[in-house]
Amino acid sequence: MAKESLGLGGGRPGDDSSPGGPSTARITMWIIGGAVGLYMVVTGVVGALTAG
C-alpha cells in the first residue's frame, strides 16, 4: 500500500503522459528533500563552529 501512495510502483496513470522522464511530483520531492538536507548540514556546521 505504501508503494502505491508514494508512487514507487510501476504503471502509474501519471507516467503515461511523460514516459521519458521523472514526474513533476518526484522532482519536487527531490528538491524539497535536498533543501531540507542542506539546511540541516549548514545549521550543524554553524552550530559546531559557534559551540567551540
PDB file of N, CA and C in Angstrom:
ATOM      1  N   MET A   1       0.827  -1.197   0.000  1.00  0.00           N
ATOM      2  CA  MET A   1       0.000   0.000   0.000  1.00  0.00           C
ATOM      3  C   MET A   1       0.868   1.256   0.000  1.00  0.00           C
ATOM      4  N   ALA A   2       2.000   1.221   0.702  1.00  0.00           N
ATOM      5  CA  ALA A   2       2.867   2.399   0.744  1.00  0.00           C
ATOM      6  C   ALA A   2       3.474   2.677  -0.617  1.00  0.00           C
ATOM      7  N   LYS A   3       3.771   1.621  -1.378  1.00  0.00           N
ATOM      8  CA  LYS A   3       4.382   1.844  -2.688  1.00  0.00           C
ATOM      9  C   LYS A   3       3.435   2.587  -3.618  1.00  0.00           C
ATOM     10  N   GLU A   4       2.159   2.250  -3.550  1.00  0.00           N
ATOM     11  CA  GLU A   4       1.221   2.918  -4.430  1.00  0.00           C
ATOM     12  C   GLU A   4       1.033   4.377  -4.025  1.00  0.00           C
ATOM     13  N   SER A   5       0.993   4.654  -2.716  1.00  0.00           N
ATOM     14  CA  SER A   5       0.759   6.028  -2.285  1.00  0.00           C
ATOM     15  C   SER A   5       1.974   6.902  -2.525  1.00  0.00           C
ATOM     16  N   LEU A   6       3.172   6.330  -2.500  1.00  0.00           N
ATOM     17  CA  LEU A   6       4.381   7.115  -2.742  1.00  0.00           C
ATOM     18  C   LEU A   6       4.729   7.190  -4.219  1.00  0.00           C
ATOM     19  N   GLY A   7       4.032   6.438  -5.059  1.00  0.00           N
ATOM     20  CA  GLY A   7       4.324   6.492  -6.482  1.00  0.00           C
ATOM     21  C   GLY A   7       5.547   5.687  -6.871  1.00  0.00           C
ATOM     22  N   LEU A   8       5.900   4.676  -6.074  1.00  0.00           N
ATOM     23  CA  LEU A   8       7.073   3.867  -6.392  1.00  0.00           C
ATOM     24  C   LEU A   8       6.714   2.656  -7.239  1.00  0.00           C
ATOM     25  N   GLY A   9       5.440   2.325  -7.307  1.00  0.00           N
ATOM     26  CA  GLY A   9       5.027   1.179  -8.106  1.00  0.00           C
ATOM     27  C   GLY A   9       5.022   1.501  -9.582  1.00  0.00           C
ATOM     28  N   GLY A  10       5.175   0.485 -10.400  1.00  0.00           N
ATOM     29  CA  GLY A  10       5.198   0.712 -11.840  1.00  0.00           C
ATOM     30  C   GLY A  10       3.803   0.871 -12.404  1.00  0.00           C
ATOM     31  N   GLY A  11       3.697   1.517 -13.537  1.00  0.00           N
ATOM     32  CA  GLY A  11       2.435   1.622 -14.240  1.00  0.00           C
ATOM     33  C   GLY A  11       1.447   2.594 -13.645  1.00  0.00           C
ATOM     34  N   ARG A  12       1.930   3.683 -13.099  1.00  0.00           N
ATOM     35  CA  ARG A  12       1.003   4.687 -12.582  1.00  0.00           C
ATOM     36  C   ARG A  12       0.327   5.411 -13.742  1.00  0.00           C
ATOM     37  N   PRO A  13      -0.893   5.881 -13.553  1.00  0.00           N
ATOM     38  CA  PRO A  13      -1.562   6.627 -14.631  1.00  0.00           C
ATOM     39  C   PRO A  13      -0.827   7.910 -14.999  1.00  0.00           C
ATOM     40  N   GLY A  14      -0.145   8.534 -14.045  1.00  0.00           N
ATOM     41  CA  GLY A  14       0.566   9.772 -14.335  1.00  0.00           C
ATOM     42  C   GLY A  14       1.788   9.570 -15.199  1.00  0.00           C
ATOM     43  N   ASP A  15       2.309   8.353 -15.263  1.00  0.00           N
ATOM     44  CA  ASP A  15       3.508   8.094 -16.045  1.00  0.00           C
ATOM     45  C   ASP A  15       3.222   8.006 -17.542  1.00  0.00           C
ATOM     46  N   ASP A  16       1.959   7.867 -17.920  1.00  0.00           N
ATOM     47  CA  ASP A  16       1.641   7.724 -19.335  1.00  0.00           C
ATOM     48  C   ASP A  16       1.892   9.015 -20.105  1.00  0.00           C
ATOM     49  N   SER A  17       1.733  10.162 -19.436  1.00  0.00           N
ATOM     50  CA  SER A  17       1.885  11.431 -20.137  1.00  0.00           C
ATOM     51  C   SER A  17       3.349  11.744 -20.408  1.00  0.00           C
ATOM     52  N   SER A  18       4.263  11.298 -19.539  1.00  0.00           N
ATOM     53  CA  SER A  18       5.681  11.594 -19.741  1.00  0.00           C
ATOM     54  C   SER A  18       6.515  10.349 -19.451  1.00  0.00           C
ATOM     55  N   PRO A  19       6.539   9.392 -20.369  1.00  0.00           N
ATOM     56  CA  PRO A  19       7.279   8.154 -20.112  1.00  0.00           C
ATOM     57  C   PRO A  19       8.791   8.331 -20.167  1.00  0.00           C
ATOM     58  N   GLY A  20       9.282   9.441 -20.708  1.00  0.00           N
ATOM     59  CA  GLY A  20      10.717   9.605 -20.888  1.00  0.00           C
ATOM     60  C   GLY A  20      11.449  10.145 -19.681  1.00  0.00           C
ATOM     61  N   GLY A  21      10.744  10.647 -18.681  1.00  0.00           N
ATOM     62  CA  GLY A  21      11.425  11.248 -17.546  1.00  0.00           C
ATOM     63  C   GLY A  21      10.625  11.124 -16.273  1.00  0.00           C
ATOM     64  N   PRO A  22      11.212  11.581 -15.170  1.00  0.00           N
ATOM     65  CA  PRO A  22      10.509  11.506 -13.888  1.00  0.00           C
ATOM     66  C   PRO A  22       9.357  12.501 -13.827  1.00  0.00           C
ATOM     67  N   SER A  23       8.408  12.218 -12.959  1.00  0.00           N
ATOM     68  CA  SER A  23       7.242  13.086 -12.858  1.00  0.00           C
ATOM     69  C   SER A  23       7.592  14.360 -12.096  1.00  0.00           C
ATOM     70  N   THR A  24       6.745  15.349 -12.234  1.00  0.00           N
ATOM     71  CA  THR A  24       6.966  16.623 -11.546  1.00  0.00           C
ATOM     72  C   THR A  24       6.936  16.443 -10.038  1.00  0.00           C
ATOM     73  N   ALA A  25       6.066  15.562  -9.556  1.00  0.00           N
ATOM     74  CA  ALA A  25       5.984  15.337  -8.120  1.00  0.00           C
ATOM     75  C   ALA A  25       7.284  14.750  -7.585  1.00  0.00           C
ATOM     76  N   ARG A  26       7.881  13.833  -8.346  1.00  0.00           N
ATOM     77  CA  ARG A  26       9.134  13.234  -7.894  1.00  0.00           C
ATOM     78  C   ARG A  26      10.261  14.263  -7.888  1.00  0.00           C
ATOM     79  N   ILE A  27      10.308  15.130  -8.903  1.00  0.00           N
ATOM     80  CA  ILE A  27      11.327  16.180  -8.933  1.00  0.00           C
ATOM     81  C   ILE A  27      11.131  17.128  -7.754  1.00  0.00           C
ATOM     82  N   THR A  28       9.877  17.471  -7.467  1.00  0.00           N
ATOM     83  CA  THR A  28       9.591  18.362  -6.342  1.00  0.00           C
ATOM     84  C   THR A  28      10.029  17.740  -5.028  1.00  0.00           C
ATOM     85  N   MET A  29       9.786  16.435  -4.858  1.00  0.00           N
ATOM     86  CA  MET A  29      10.212  15.770  -3.631  1.00  0.00           C
ATOM     87  C   MET A  29      11.727  15.796  -3.490  1.00  0.00           C
ATOM     88  N   TRP A  30      12.461  15.591  -4.578  1.00  0.00           N
ATOM     89  CA  TRP A  30      13.924  15.641  -4.527  1.00  0.00           C
ATOM     90  C   TRP A  30      14.406  17.038  -4.165  1.00  0.00           C
ATOM     91  N   ILE A  31      13.778  18.070  -4.721  1.00  0.00           N
ATOM     92  CA  ILE A  31      14.200  19.445  -4.423  1.00  0.00           C
ATOM     93  C   ILE A  31      13.952  19.772  -2.953  1.00  0.00           C
ATOM     94  N   ILE A  32      12.767  19.413  -2.454  1.00  0.00           N
ATOM     95  CA  ILE A  32      12.443  19.711  -1.061  1.00  0.00           C
ATOM     96  C   ILE A  32      13.345  18.910  -0.125  1.00  0.00           C
ATOM     97  N   GLY A  33      13.549  17.633  -0.441  1.00  0.00           N
ATOM     98  CA  GLY A  33      14.427  16.812   0.391  1.00  0.00           C
ATOM     99  C   GLY A  33      15.858  17.324   0.390  1.00  0.00           C
ATOM    100  N   GLY A  34      16.335  17.758  -0.764  1.00  0.00           N
ATOM    101  CA  GLY A  34      17.688  18.301  -0.837  1.00  0.00           C
ATOM    102  C   GLY A  34      17.814  19.598  -0.064  1.00  0.00           C
ATOM    103  N   ALA A  35      16.788  20.440  -0.132  1.00  0.00           N
ATOM    104  CA  ALA A  35      16.826  21.704   0.605  1.00  0.00           C
ATOM    105  C   ALA A  35      16.826  21.460   2.108  1.00  0.00           C
ATOM    106  N   VAL A  36      16.019  20.510   2.563  1.00  0.00           N
ATOM    107  CA  VAL A  36      15.980  20.196   3.991  1.00  0.00           C
ATOM    108  C   VAL A  36      17.317  19.615   4.438  1.00  0.00           C
ATOM    109  N   GLY A  37      17.883  18.718   3.640  1.00  0.00           N
ATOM    110  CA  GLY A  37      19.177  18.138   3.980  1.00  0.00           C
ATOM    111  C   GLY A  37      20.276  19.180   4.013  1.00  0.00           C
ATOM    112  N   LEU A  38      20.285  20.074   3.036  1.00  0.00           N
ATOM    113  CA  LEU A  38      21.290  21.136   3.005  1.00  0.00           C
ATOM    114  C   LEU A  38      21.139  22.058   4.208  1.00  0.00           C
ATOM    115  N   TYR A  39      19.907  22.373   4.570  1.00  0.00           N
ATOM    116  CA  TYR A  39      19.662  23.216   5.744  1.00  0.00           C
ATOM    117  C   TYR A  39      20.193  22.545   7.008  1.00  0.00           C
ATOM    118  N   MET A  40      19.960  21.234   7.137  1.00  0.00           N
ATOM    119  CA  MET A  40      20.427  20.523   8.324  1.00  0.00           C
ATOM    120  C   MET A  40      21.947  20.499   8.389  1.00  0.00           C
ATOM    121  N   VAL A  41      22.603  20.310   7.247  1.00  0.00           N
ATOM    122  CA  VAL A  41      24.067  20.290   7.221  1.00  0.00           C
ATOM    123  C   VAL A  41      24.619  21.664   7.585  1.00  0.00           C
ATOM    124  N   VAL A  42      24.060  22.711   6.996  1.00  0.00           N
ATOM    125  CA  VAL A  42      24.562  24.067   7.258  1.00  0.00           C
ATOM    126  C   VAL A  42      24.359  24.442   8.720  1.00  0.00           C
ATOM    127  N   THR A  43      23.186  24.167   9.272  1.00  0.00           N
ATOM    128  CA  THR A  43      22.946  24.509  10.670  1.00  0.00           C
ATOM    129  C   THR A  43      23.826  23.676  11.595  1.00  0.00           C
ATOM    130  N   GLY A  44      24.115  22.435  11.218  1.00  0.00           N
ATOM    131  CA  GLY A  44      25.015  21.618  12.024  1.00  0.00           C
ATOM    132  C   GLY A  44      26.433  22.155  12.021  1.00  0.00           C
ATOM    133  N   VAL A  45      26.915  22.593  10.862  1.00  0.00           N
ATOM    134  CA  VAL A  45      28.267  23.156  10.774  1.00  0.00           C
ATOM    135  C   VAL A  45      28.342  24.464  11.547  1.00  0.00           C
ATOM    136  N   VAL A  46      27.346  25.321  11.386  1.00  0.00           N
ATOM    137  CA  VAL A  46      27.335  26.595  12.111  1.00  0.00           C
ATOM    138  C   VAL A  46      27.268  26.348  13.613  1.00  0.00           C
ATOM    139  N   GLY A  47      26.456  25.400  14.025  1.00  0.00           N
ATOM    140  CA  GLY A  47      26.364  25.087  15.448  1.00  0.00           C
ATOM    141  C   GLY A  47      27.663  24.535  16.003  1.00  0.00           C
ATOM    142  N   ALA A  48      28.353  23.708  15.218  1.00  0.00           N
ATOM    143  CA  ALA A  48      29.629  23.156  15.673  1.00  0.00           C
ATOM    144  C   ALA A  48      30.692  24.244  15.763  1.00  0.00           C
ATOM    145  N   LEU A  49      30.677  25.178  14.834  1.00  0.00           N
ATOM    146  CA  LEU A  49      31.677  26.251  14.851  1.00  0.00           C
ATOM    147  C   LEU A  49      31.424  27.235  15.994  1.00  0.00           C
ATOM    148  N   THR A  50      30.173  27.535  16.262  1.00  0.00           N
ATOM    149  CA  THR A  50      29.874  28.505  17.316  1.00  0.00           C
ATOM    150  C   THR A  50      29.944  27.880  18.704  1.00  0.00           C
ATOM    151  N   ALA A  51      29.815  26.566  18.809  1.00  0.00           N
ATOM    152  CA  ALA A  51      29.858  25.915  20.115  1.00  0.00           C
ATOM    153  C   ALA A  51      31.289  25.785  20.627  1.00  0.00           C
ATOM    154  N   GLY A  52      32.242  25.885  19.770  1.00  0.00           N
ATOM    155  CA  GLY A  52      33.614  25.809  20.257  1.00  0.00           C
ATOM    156  C   GLY A  52      34.414  24.984  19.343  1.00  0.00           C
TER     157      GLY A  52
END
